[in-house]
Amino acid sequence: MKANGWVGEPIDVVRLPDGRLTTLDNTRVVAARHAGIDVRARVHEYDEPLPDADQIERFSTTRGTPSTWGDAVRLRIGKQSASYRNRWPEGSPWTSWDGN
């Protein structure tokens, strides 16, 4: 990523009801941060419907099938450990520790 910049599609980011943003793709955010490049993102509203069956399948779990980007966030976090879910019910505010 550092050598070629951002390659590929933008990541999906969801605007939470309180206005904060959360990502569904922390790995590329961390990689971009470490490479010192800007993240390319598509921002979706929390209650915005998922666009197609592929996205619905991507975020479906044994706990449910999402119909909105907010559902996708909730189900994705639901797959994390109980301590993570309890501490950050809408996703961690950090995607990487940079030593500060």
Protein backbone atom coordinates (compact mmCIF):
# COMPACT_ATOMS: atom_id res chain seq x y z
CA MET A 1 0.00 0.00 0.00
CA LYS A 2 2.84 2.38 0.79
CA ALA A 3 4.44 1.86 -2.63
CA ASN A 4 1.27 2.12 -4.73
CA GLY A 5 -1.13 4.13 -2.59
CA TRP A 6 -4.74 3.10 -2.21
CA VAL A 7 -5.54 0.29 -4.65
CA GLY A 8 -9.03 -1.07 -5.08
CA GLU A 9 -12.48 0.00 -4.11
CA PRO A 10 -13.15 2.43 -1.27
CA ILE A 11 -14.10 0.91 2.07
CA ASP A 12 -17.63 1.09 3.44
CA VAL A 13 -18.10 3.44 6.38
CA VAL A 14 -21.33 3.86 8.33
CA ARG A 15 -22.46 7.10 9.97
CA LEU A 16 -23.86 6.16 13.38
CA PRO A 17 -27.00 7.85 14.74
CA ASP A 18 -24.81 10.16 16.87
CA GLY A 19 -22.86 11.28 13.79
CA ARG A 20 -19.67 9.30 14.45
CA LEU A 21 -18.30 7.09 11.71
CA THR A 22 -17.39 3.42 11.96
CA THR A 23 -15.83 1.15 9.39
CA LEU A 24 -16.57 -2.40 8.40
CA ASP A 25 -13.02 -2.89 7.10
CA ASN A 26 -10.48 -2.12 9.81
CA THR A 27 -7.63 -3.99 8.10
CA ARG A 28 -7.33 -1.57 5.19
CA VAL A 29 -7.75 1.43 7.50
CA VAL A 30 -4.85 0.20 9.62
CA ALA A 31 -2.71 -0.51 6.54
CA ALA A 32 -3.39 2.96 5.12
CA ARG A 33 -2.62 4.59 8.44
CA HIS A 34 0.70 2.78 8.73
CA ALA A 35 1.55 3.63 5.11
CA GLY A 36 0.69 7.29 5.69
CA ILE A 37 -1.92 7.49 2.95
CA ASP A 38 -5.51 8.68 2.95
CA VAL A 39 -8.33 6.18 3.20
CA ARG A 40 -10.85 6.12 0.37
CA ALA A 41 -14.34 5.51 1.71
CA ARG A 42 -18.01 5.41 0.81
CA VAL A 43 -20.08 6.80 3.68
CA HIS A 44 -23.47 5.15 4.25
CA GLU A 45 -26.22 6.28 6.59
CA TYR A 46 -27.12 3.95 9.46
CA ASP A 47 -30.64 3.30 8.16
CA GLU A 48 -29.62 3.13 4.49
CA PRO A 49 -30.63 -0.20 2.92
CA LEU A 50 -27.86 -2.56 1.88
CA PRO A 51 -27.64 -2.34 -1.91
CA ASP A 52 -27.71 -5.97 -2.97
CA ALA A 53 -27.74 -9.65 -2.06
CA ASP A 54 -23.93 -9.82 -2.02
CA GLN A 55 -23.72 -7.23 0.77
CA ILE A 56 -26.55 -8.89 2.67
CA GLU A 57 -24.72 -12.22 2.46
CA ARG A 58 -21.40 -10.60 3.42
CA PHE A 59 -22.77 -9.37 6.75
CA SER A 60 -25.23 -12.17 7.55
CA THR A 61 -24.47 -14.23 10.63
CA THR A 62 -26.18 -16.92 12.65
CA ARG A 63 -27.59 -14.03 14.69
CA GLY A 64 -29.42 -12.44 11.80
CA THR A 65 -29.64 -11.10 8.29
CA PRO A 66 -29.04 -7.38 7.82
CA SER A 67 -31.21 -5.12 5.71
CA THR A 68 -29.45 -1.81 6.47
CA TRP A 69 -25.86 -0.66 6.97
CA GLY A 70 -26.67 -0.18 10.66
CA ASP A 71 -27.77 -3.81 10.89
CA ALA A 72 -24.48 -4.79 9.25
CA VAL A 73 -22.52 -2.88 11.90
CA ARG A 74 -24.53 -4.43 14.71
CA LEU A 75 -24.14 -7.97 13.36
CA ARG A 76 -20.43 -7.52 12.62
CA ILE A 77 -19.79 -6.33 16.17
CA GLY A 78 -21.94 -9.19 17.43
CA LYS A 79 -19.30 -11.57 16.08
CA GLN A 80 -16.65 -10.07 18.37
CA SER A 81 -15.85 -11.27 21.88
CA ALA A 82 -18.24 -10.36 24.69
CA SER A 83 -15.70 -7.99 26.25
CA TYR A 84 -15.30 -6.15 22.92
CA ARG A 85 -19.06 -5.97 22.33
CA ASN A 86 -19.68 -4.68 25.83
CA ARG A 87 -16.91 -2.10 25.72
CA TRP A 88 -17.55 -0.86 22.17
CA PRO A 89 -21.12 -1.75 21.15
CA GLU A 90 -20.82 0.37 17.99
CA GLY A 91 -17.22 -0.47 17.17
CA SER A 92 -13.86 0.50 18.55
CA PRO A 93 -12.90 4.16 18.27
CA TRP A 94 -9.40 3.00 17.30
CA THR A 95 -8.27 1.02 14.33
CA SER A 96 -4.61 0.99 15.25
CA TRP A 97 -2.28 2.02 18.03
CA ASP A 98 0.43 4.36 16.83
CA GLY A 99 2.31 4.69 20.09
CA ASN A 100 0.62 7.91 21.23
